Structures are given as structure tokens and as C-alpha cells.
Protein backbone atom coordinates (compact mmCIF):
# COMPACT_ATOMS: atom_id res chain seq x y z
CA UNK A 1 212.87 132.69 75.92
CA UNK A 2 214.49 132.39 79.34
CA UNK A 3 211.99 134.86 80.76
CA UNK A 4 209.08 132.81 79.42
CA UNK A 5 210.48 129.59 80.99
CA UNK A 6 211.08 131.41 84.30
CA UNK A 7 207.58 132.90 84.26
CA UNK A 8 206.03 129.51 83.48
CA UNK A 9 207.93 127.93 86.32
CA UNK A 10 206.80 130.60 88.76
CA UNK A 11 203.16 130.10 87.69
CA UNK A 12 203.49 126.36 88.23
CA UNK A 13 204.93 126.90 91.72
CA UNK A 14 202.20 129.37 92.62
CA UNK A 15 199.52 126.96 91.47
CA UNK A 16 200.64 124.25 93.91
CA UNK A 17 198.45 123.80 96.93
CA UNK A 18 200.10 122.94 100.27
CA UNK A 19 200.31 119.22 100.70
CA UNK A 20 198.93 117.67 103.84
CA UNK A 21 201.37 115.51 105.79
CA UNK A 22 200.46 111.93 106.77
CA UNK A 23 200.16 113.03 110.44
CA UNK A 24 197.94 115.96 109.51
CA UNK A 25 195.55 113.66 107.67
CA UNK A 26 194.50 112.47 111.17
CA UNK A 27 193.83 116.05 112.39
CA UNK A 28 190.11 116.85 112.60
CA UNK A 29 188.18 120.06 113.01
CA UNK A 30 186.10 120.16 116.23
CA UNK A 31 183.80 122.61 117.91
CA UNK A 32 184.82 124.43 121.12
CA UNK A 33 182.36 122.26 123.07
CA UNK A 34 184.22 119.12 121.95
CA UNK A 35 187.51 120.26 123.57
CA UNK A 36 186.49 119.69 127.20
CA UNK A 37 188.76 116.66 127.57
CA UNK A 38 191.52 118.00 125.32
CA UNK A 39 194.86 119.68 126.07
CA UNK A 40 195.26 123.14 124.51
CA UNK A 41 198.48 123.37 122.49
CA UNK A 42 198.31 126.97 121.29
CA UNK A 43 197.21 129.04 118.35
CA UNK A 44 197.88 127.85 114.80
CA UNK A 45 197.49 129.44 111.38
CA UNK A 46 197.92 128.82 107.71
CA UNK A 47 198.33 131.36 104.90
CA UNK A 48 198.31 130.91 101.13
CA UNK A 49 198.79 133.83 98.78
CA UNK A 50 198.30 134.40 95.10
CA UNK A 51 197.17 130.94 94.02
CA UNK A 52 195.14 130.29 90.91
CA UNK A 53 191.73 130.31 92.65
CA UNK A 54 190.33 131.53 95.94
CA UNK A 55 189.12 127.98 96.69
CA UNK A 56 192.64 126.56 96.16
CA UNK A 57 194.07 129.25 98.48
CA UNK A 58 191.50 128.48 101.17
CA UNK A 59 192.14 124.73 100.94
CA UNK A 60 195.90 125.26 101.08
CA UNK A 61 195.61 127.54 104.10
CA UNK A 62 193.56 124.88 105.93
CA UNK A 63 196.16 122.21 104.98
CA UNK A 64 198.92 124.38 106.47
CA UNK A 65 196.84 124.81 109.65
CA UNK A 66 196.37 121.06 109.91
CA UNK A 67 200.11 120.51 109.32
CA UNK A 68 201.02 123.00 112.06
CA UNK A 69 198.53 121.31 114.43
CA UNK A 70 200.13 117.92 113.74
CA UNK A 71 203.64 119.35 114.16
CA UNK A 72 202.67 120.53 117.63
CA UNK A 73 201.49 117.01 118.51
CA UNK A 74 197.82 117.78 118.10
CA UNK A 75 195.01 115.80 116.52
CA UNK A 76 192.26 118.46 116.53
CA UNK A 77 191.74 122.17 115.96
CA UNK A 78 189.00 124.72 116.47
CA UNK A 79 188.81 127.09 113.54
CA UNK A 80 188.40 130.64 114.84
CA UNK A 81 188.76 132.75 111.68
CA UNK A 82 189.08 132.38 107.92
CA UNK A 83 189.60 135.16 105.45
CA UNK A 84 189.69 134.71 101.69
CA UNK A 85 190.11 137.17 98.83
CA UNK A 86 191.64 137.30 95.41
CA UNK A 87 194.96 138.03 97.11
CA UNK A 88 194.97 134.89 99.27
CA UNK A 89 193.50 133.11 102.28
CA UNK A 90 194.26 132.92 105.97
CA UNK A 91 192.98 130.26 108.38
CA UNK A 92 193.42 130.72 112.15
CA UNK A 93 192.54 128.42 115.01
CA UNK A 94 193.59 126.67 118.19
CA UNK A 95 195.37 123.32 118.28
CA UNK A 96 194.43 120.57 120.71
CA UNK A 97 195.48 117.09 121.66
CA UNK A 98 192.33 115.11 122.36
CA UNK A 99 191.75 111.56 123.50
CA UNK A 100 190.62 109.31 120.70
């Protein structure tokens, strides 16, 4: 019985998508051409593994990328690469601080 409860708990944790922070809700995806007036903050990435669906993993990886951009003081990112499979998703990009 304990193993069943533990297994159910692990499935519930794995099914959770990364939450987006209030600051990250203001982070937007832009094109490289839109960064002319922006300050480059560095590369950012988000990874989500073994979720329930590929779409959930991809969304969670993007949320993590947005959170990391916001944590660096950015409000925009250029997405440079995304990879999704049944094993998980990875989103990579560059963070920027852009004038509003």
C-alpha cells in the first residue's frame, strides 16, 4: 500500500508543469531584429523531463526560460532552439532587457 501511495505521489509531482512567476508573466518573446535597443543579459534555458505529455513538457520548459529571464532582470527573450521528445523538452534562448 505504501508503494502505491508513493508511486501516486511521484506521478502527481511529475505531472506538474512549471509555474510562471508574476515577473515572468511580463517577459515576451521577440525576434532578433527587435533587440536593437535592448541590453543582452546572457543565455537562458529551461528543461522539463518526463511529464505526462510532450506539450506539457514544452510549455513547462518555456515557463522556466521565462522565469530565468525575469530572474536576470530581463523582460524579453529570443528563442534560439527548442527540442521536444517523449523524454522531455528543452528551450534555449537569449535574455534581454528592452525599453518598454
